[in-house]
């Protein structure tokens, strides 16, 4: 068998490559699309919800900071909030330190339970 014959046979044995799955780039592209919908999109949505929560914090809301401090917001500034964590103890936190805002669902005038004892 000569070199020319083996080259001809090698070209015949190669797959035709027709169809959408014949392109070798389709699987990496599909993987990137799947990673976007599984990882990036939910993370971005969660971040937007957290930013909206921090912007909606107002005076009188009970909050929990990312450090675990529980308190009540006494004043709100552009980038910071003043949080009362105990009697006569106020601490200034950055708004990004707010992890959770606890909205009171009890009607006005209802007794609240004090867990700081």
N, C-alpha and C. Protein backbone atom coordinates (compact mmCIF):
# COMPACT_ATOMS: atom_id res chain seq x y z
N UNK A 1 0.85 -1.16 0.00
CA UNK A 1 0.00 0.00 0.00
C UNK A 1 0.91 1.23 0.00
N UNK A 2 0.61 2.10 -0.86
CA UNK A 2 1.44 3.30 -0.98
C UNK A 2 0.92 4.38 -0.05
N UNK A 3 1.70 5.42 0.08
CA UNK A 3 1.33 6.54 0.95
C UNK A 3 0.09 7.25 0.42
N UNK A 4 -0.03 7.33 -0.89
CA UNK A 4 -1.18 8.00 -1.48
C UNK A 4 -2.46 7.20 -1.23
N UNK A 5 -2.41 5.91 -1.30
CA UNK A 5 -3.56 5.07 -1.05
C UNK A 5 -3.98 5.15 0.41
N UNK A 6 -3.02 5.13 1.34
CA UNK A 6 -3.37 5.21 2.76
C UNK A 6 -3.97 6.57 3.10
N UNK A 7 -3.50 7.63 2.45
CA UNK A 7 -4.07 8.96 2.67
C UNK A 7 -5.52 8.99 2.18
N UNK A 8 -5.77 8.40 1.04
CA UNK A 8 -7.12 8.35 0.49
C UNK A 8 -8.06 7.55 1.39
N UNK A 9 -7.60 6.44 1.91
CA UNK A 9 -8.43 5.62 2.79
C UNK A 9 -8.69 6.32 4.12
N UNK A 10 -7.72 7.05 4.61
CA UNK A 10 -7.90 7.78 5.87
C UNK A 10 -8.96 8.86 5.71
N UNK A 11 -9.00 9.48 4.55
CA UNK A 11 -10.00 10.52 4.33
C UNK A 11 -11.39 9.92 4.20
N UNK A 12 -11.51 8.75 3.67
CA UNK A 12 -12.80 8.11 3.54
C UNK A 12 -13.33 7.65 4.89
N UNK A 13 -12.44 7.24 5.77
CA UNK A 13 -12.85 6.71 7.07
C UNK A 13 -13.30 7.80 8.02
N UNK A 14 -12.98 9.06 7.75
CA UNK A 14 -13.36 10.15 8.63
C UNK A 14 -14.88 10.32 8.62
N UNK A 15 -15.49 10.62 9.79
CA UNK A 15 -16.95 10.79 9.83
C UNK A 15 -17.37 12.02 9.04
N UNK A 16 -18.59 11.98 8.56
CA UNK A 16 -19.10 13.06 7.71
C UNK A 16 -19.27 14.36 8.50
N UNK A 17 -19.61 14.28 9.79
CA UNK A 17 -19.70 15.48 10.62
C UNK A 17 -20.97 16.28 10.37
N UNK A 18 -21.98 15.70 9.85
CA UNK A 18 -23.21 16.42 9.59
C UNK A 18 -24.07 16.51 10.84
N UNK A 19 -24.97 17.45 10.85
CA UNK A 19 -25.89 17.61 11.97
C UNK A 19 -25.33 18.55 13.04
N UNK A 20 -26.17 18.89 14.00
CA UNK A 20 -25.78 19.85 15.03
C UNK A 20 -24.78 19.26 16.02
N UNK A 21 -24.85 17.96 16.28
CA UNK A 21 -23.95 17.35 17.25
C UNK A 21 -22.62 16.95 16.63
N UNK A 22 -22.44 17.17 15.34
CA UNK A 22 -21.17 16.89 14.69
C UNK A 22 -20.15 17.98 14.96
N UNK A 23 -20.61 19.16 15.37
CA UNK A 23 -19.70 20.27 15.66
C UNK A 23 -19.11 20.07 17.05
N UNK A 24 -17.78 20.07 17.18
CA UNK A 24 -17.17 19.84 18.49
C UNK A 24 -17.35 21.00 19.48
N UNK A 25 -17.78 22.15 19.03
CA UNK A 25 -17.97 23.30 19.92
C UNK A 25 -19.33 23.32 20.59
N UNK A 26 -20.25 22.48 20.15
CA UNK A 26 -21.61 22.54 20.69
C UNK A 26 -21.67 22.14 22.16
N UNK A 27 -20.90 21.14 22.58
CA UNK A 27 -20.96 20.70 23.97
C UNK A 27 -20.37 21.71 24.94
N UNK A 28 -19.22 22.35 24.66
CA UNK A 28 -18.75 23.40 25.58
C UNK A 28 -19.72 24.58 25.66
N UNK A 29 -20.34 24.92 24.56
CA UNK A 29 -21.31 26.03 24.58
C UNK A 29 -22.52 25.65 25.42
N UNK A 30 -23.01 24.41 25.26
CA UNK A 30 -24.14 23.95 26.08
C UNK A 30 -23.77 23.93 27.56
N UNK A 31 -22.55 23.54 27.88
CA UNK A 31 -22.11 23.53 29.28
C UNK A 31 -22.10 24.95 29.86
N UNK A 32 -21.62 25.92 29.10
CA UNK A 32 -21.59 27.30 29.57
C UNK A 32 -23.01 27.83 29.80
N UNK A 33 -23.92 27.50 28.91
CA UNK A 33 -25.31 27.94 29.07
C UNK A 33 -25.92 27.30 30.31
N UNK A 34 -25.67 26.02 30.52
CA UNK A 34 -26.20 25.34 31.70
C UNK A 34 -25.60 25.93 32.98
N UNK A 35 -24.30 26.23 32.99
CA UNK A 35 -23.67 26.82 34.17
C UNK A 35 -24.28 28.18 34.48
N UNK A 36 -24.61 28.95 33.44
CA UNK A 36 -25.22 30.25 33.68
C UNK A 36 -26.56 30.08 34.38
N UNK A 37 -27.41 29.17 33.91
CA UNK A 37 -28.73 29.01 34.50
C UNK A 37 -28.71 28.30 35.85
N UNK A 38 -27.70 27.50 36.12
CA UNK A 38 -27.63 26.77 37.38
C UNK A 38 -26.89 27.55 38.46
N UNK A 39 -25.85 28.30 38.09
CA UNK A 39 -25.00 28.95 39.09
C UNK A 39 -25.13 30.47 39.08
N UNK A 40 -24.89 31.10 37.96
CA UNK A 40 -24.77 32.56 37.90
C UNK A 40 -26.11 33.25 38.11
N UNK A 41 -27.13 32.83 37.42
CA UNK A 41 -28.44 33.51 37.49
C UNK A 41 -29.05 33.47 38.89
N UNK A 42 -29.10 32.32 39.57
CA UNK A 42 -29.66 32.31 40.93
C UNK A 42 -28.84 33.16 41.91
N UNK A 43 -27.52 33.15 41.75
CA UNK A 43 -26.68 33.95 42.64
C UNK A 43 -26.94 35.44 42.44
N UNK A 44 -27.08 35.86 41.19
CA UNK A 44 -27.36 37.27 40.90
C UNK A 44 -28.73 37.67 41.45
N UNK A 45 -29.71 36.79 41.33
CA UNK A 45 -31.05 37.07 41.85
C UNK A 45 -31.02 37.21 43.37
N UNK A 46 -30.29 36.33 44.03
CA UNK A 46 -30.17 36.38 45.49
C UNK A 46 -29.48 37.67 45.93
N UNK A 47 -28.46 38.09 45.19
CA UNK A 47 -27.76 39.33 45.52
C UNK A 47 -28.68 40.55 45.36
N UNK A 48 -29.49 40.56 44.33
CA UNK A 48 -30.43 41.67 44.13
C UNK A 48 -31.47 41.71 45.23
N UNK A 49 -31.95 40.55 45.68
CA UNK A 49 -32.91 40.51 46.77
C UNK A 49 -32.29 41.03 48.07
N UNK A 50 -31.02 40.68 48.32
CA UNK A 50 -30.33 41.15 49.52
C UNK A 50 -30.15 42.66 49.49
N UNK A 51 -29.80 43.21 48.33
CA UNK A 51 -29.65 44.66 48.20
C UNK A 51 -30.99 45.36 48.42
N UNK A 52 -32.06 44.81 47.90
CA UNK A 52 -33.39 45.40 48.09
C UNK A 52 -33.79 45.35 49.56
N UNK A 53 -33.46 44.26 50.24
CA UNK A 53 -33.74 44.13 51.68
C UNK A 53 -32.99 45.20 52.47
N UNK A 54 -31.73 45.41 52.13
CA UNK A 54 -30.92 46.41 52.85
C UNK A 54 -31.42 47.83 52.58
N UNK A 55 -31.88 48.10 51.37
CA UNK A 55 -32.40 49.42 51.05
C UNK A 55 -33.74 49.68 51.72
N UNK A 56 -34.52 48.62 51.95
CA UNK A 56 -35.85 48.80 52.53
C UNK A 56 -35.82 48.91 54.05
N UNK A 57 -34.67 48.70 54.67
CA UNK A 57 -34.57 48.80 56.13
C UNK A 57 -34.88 50.22 56.56
N UNK A 58 -35.75 50.35 57.57
CA UNK A 58 -36.13 51.68 58.04
C UNK A 58 -36.10 51.72 59.57
N UNK A 59 -36.25 52.89 60.11
CA UNK A 59 -36.22 53.08 61.55
C UNK A 59 -37.32 52.25 62.21
N UNK A 60 -36.94 51.54 63.27
CA UNK A 60 -37.89 50.72 64.01
C UNK A 60 -37.88 49.25 63.62
N UNK A 61 -37.22 48.91 62.52
CA UNK A 61 -37.15 47.51 62.10
C UNK A 61 -36.16 46.75 62.97
N UNK A 62 -36.54 45.52 63.30
CA UNK A 62 -35.60 44.65 64.00
C UNK A 62 -34.71 43.99 62.96
N UNK A 63 -33.40 43.94 63.21
CA UNK A 63 -32.47 43.40 62.25
C UNK A 63 -31.51 42.41 62.90
N UNK A 64 -30.94 41.57 62.06
CA UNK A 64 -29.85 40.69 62.45
C UNK A 64 -28.71 40.99 61.49
N UNK A 65 -27.53 41.26 62.03
CA UNK A 65 -26.39 41.58 61.19
C UNK A 65 -25.69 40.30 60.76
N UNK A 66 -24.75 40.43 59.83
CA UNK A 66 -24.01 39.26 59.37
C UNK A 66 -23.12 38.70 60.48
N UNK A 67 -22.83 39.51 61.48
CA UNK A 67 -22.05 39.04 62.63
C UNK A 67 -22.91 38.39 63.70
N UNK A 68 -24.23 38.45 63.54
CA UNK A 68 -25.13 37.80 64.48
C UNK A 68 -25.70 38.74 65.54
N UNK A 69 -25.41 40.02 65.45
CA UNK A 69 -25.94 40.98 66.42
C UNK A 69 -27.41 41.27 66.11
N UNK A 70 -28.27 41.16 67.14
CA UNK A 70 -29.69 41.46 67.01
C UNK A 70 -29.94 42.84 67.58
N UNK A 71 -30.79 43.62 66.91
CA UNK A 71 -31.09 44.94 67.42
C UNK A 71 -32.21 45.60 66.65
N UNK A 72 -32.45 46.87 67.00
CA UNK A 72 -33.49 47.67 66.38
C UNK A 72 -32.84 48.88 65.75
N UNK A 73 -33.21 49.19 64.52
CA UNK A 73 -32.64 50.35 63.83
C UNK A 73 -33.21 51.62 64.45
N UNK A 74 -32.31 52.51 64.86
CA UNK A 74 -32.76 53.78 65.43
C UNK A 74 -32.62 54.93 64.46
N UNK A 75 -31.68 54.84 63.52
CA UNK A 75 -31.57 55.88 62.49
C UNK A 75 -30.93 55.27 61.24
N UNK A 76 -31.30 55.84 60.10
CA UNK A 76 -30.80 55.36 58.82
C UNK A 76 -30.12 56.51 58.11
N UNK A 77 -28.91 56.26 57.65
CA UNK A 77 -28.19 57.24 56.85
C UNK A 77 -28.00 56.67 55.45
N UNK A 78 -27.23 57.38 54.63
CA UNK A 78 -27.06 56.95 53.25
C UNK A 78 -26.41 55.57 53.15
N UNK A 79 -25.31 55.35 53.89
CA UNK A 79 -24.60 54.08 53.79
C UNK A 79 -24.55 53.31 55.10
N UNK A 80 -25.01 53.90 56.17
CA UNK A 80 -24.92 53.25 57.48
C UNK A 80 -26.27 53.29 58.19
N UNK A 81 -26.40 52.45 59.22
CA UNK A 81 -27.56 52.44 60.09
C UNK A 81 -27.07 52.40 61.53
N UNK A 82 -27.82 53.03 62.41
CA UNK A 82 -27.52 52.99 63.84
C UNK A 82 -28.47 51.95 64.44
N UNK A 83 -27.89 50.96 65.12
CA UNK A 83 -28.67 49.85 65.66
C UNK A 83 -28.52 49.83 67.17
N UNK A 84 -29.68 49.80 67.87
CA UNK A 84 -29.68 49.68 69.34
C UNK A 84 -29.69 48.20 69.65
N UNK A 85 -28.59 47.73 70.26
CA UNK A 85 -28.49 46.30 70.56
C UNK A 85 -28.78 46.00 72.02
N UNK A 86 -28.80 47.01 72.88
CA UNK A 86 -29.15 46.86 74.30
C UNK A 86 -29.54 48.25 74.80
N UNK A 87 -30.01 48.32 76.05
CA UNK A 87 -30.36 49.62 76.62
C UNK A 87 -29.13 50.51 76.65
N UNK A 88 -29.26 51.70 76.08
CA UNK A 88 -28.20 52.70 76.02
C UNK A 88 -26.96 52.23 75.28
N UNK A 89 -27.09 51.24 74.40
CA UNK A 89 -25.96 50.77 73.59
C UNK A 89 -26.40 50.83 72.12
N UNK A 90 -25.78 51.76 71.39
CA UNK A 90 -26.06 51.90 69.97
C UNK A 90 -24.76 51.68 69.20
N UNK A 91 -24.87 50.95 68.13
CA UNK A 91 -23.71 50.64 67.30
C UNK A 91 -24.04 51.02 65.86
N UNK A 92 -23.06 51.62 65.18
CA UNK A 92 -23.26 51.99 63.79
C UNK A 92 -22.74 50.87 62.89
N UNK A 93 -23.59 50.41 61.98
CA UNK A 93 -23.23 49.35 61.05
C UNK A 93 -23.37 49.87 59.63
N UNK A 94 -22.59 49.31 58.74
CA UNK A 94 -22.76 49.56 57.33
C UNK A 94 -24.04 48.85 56.88
N UNK A 95 -24.76 49.42 55.91
CA UNK A 95 -26.01 48.78 55.47
C UNK A 95 -25.76 47.39 54.91
N UNK A 96 -24.59 47.17 54.35
CA UNK A 96 -24.29 45.85 53.79
C UNK A 96 -24.11 44.79 54.88
N UNK A 97 -24.01 45.20 56.15
CA UNK A 97 -23.87 44.25 57.26
C UNK A 97 -25.21 43.70 57.71
N UNK A 98 -26.31 44.20 57.16
CA UNK A 98 -27.63 43.70 57.54
C UNK A 98 -27.89 42.40 56.79
N UNK A 99 -28.09 41.33 57.54
CA UNK A 99 -28.37 40.03 56.93
C UNK A 99 -29.87 39.79 56.81
N UNK A 100 -30.63 40.18 57.84
CA UNK A 100 -32.06 39.90 57.87
C UNK A 100 -32.79 41.08 58.49
N UNK A 101 -33.93 41.42 57.92
CA UNK A 101 -34.81 42.43 58.50
C UNK A 101 -36.05 41.69 58.97
N UNK A 102 -36.32 41.78 60.27
CA UNK A 102 -37.48 41.10 60.85
C UNK A 102 -38.60 42.12 60.97
N UNK A 103 -39.59 42.00 60.12
CA UNK A 103 -40.74 42.89 60.18
C UNK A 103 -41.68 42.36 61.25
N UNK A 104 -42.17 43.26 62.11
CA UNK A 104 -43.11 42.85 63.15
C UNK A 104 -44.44 42.53 62.51
N UNK A 105 -44.94 41.32 62.78
CA UNK A 105 -46.24 40.93 62.24
C UNK A 105 -47.33 41.03 63.30
N UNK A 106 -46.94 41.33 64.55
CA UNK A 106 -47.93 41.47 65.62
C UNK A 106 -48.64 42.80 65.48
N UNK A 107 -49.91 42.88 65.85
CA UNK A 107 -50.62 44.16 65.76
C UNK A 107 -50.05 45.16 66.74
N UNK A 108 -50.26 46.42 66.44
CA UNK A 108 -49.73 47.49 67.28
C UNK A 108 -50.35 47.39 68.68
N UNK A 109 -49.54 47.55 69.70
CA UNK A 109 -50.00 47.51 71.06
C UNK A 109 -49.95 46.12 71.68
N UNK A 110 -49.64 45.10 70.87
CA UNK A 110 -49.56 43.75 71.40
C UNK A 110 -48.26 43.60 72.18
N UNK A 111 -48.27 42.82 73.25
CA UNK A 111 -47.04 42.66 74.02
C UNK A 111 -46.00 41.88 73.22
N UNK A 112 -44.75 42.28 73.37
CA UNK A 112 -43.66 41.60 72.67
C UNK A 112 -42.83 40.84 73.70
N UNK A 113 -42.24 39.77 73.28
CA UNK A 113 -41.41 39.00 74.19
C UNK A 113 -40.00 39.54 74.14
N UNK A 114 -39.42 39.77 75.31
CA UNK A 114 -38.08 40.30 75.41
C UNK A 114 -37.14 39.14 75.71
N UNK A 115 -36.25 38.82 74.76
CA UNK A 115 -35.33 37.69 74.93
C UNK A 115 -33.96 38.14 75.37
N UNK A 116 -33.80 39.40 75.75
CA UNK A 116 -32.47 39.90 76.11
C UNK A 116 -32.15 39.73 77.58
N UNK A 117 -32.96 39.04 78.36
CA UNK A 117 -32.74 38.87 79.81
C UNK A 117 -31.69 37.86 80.10
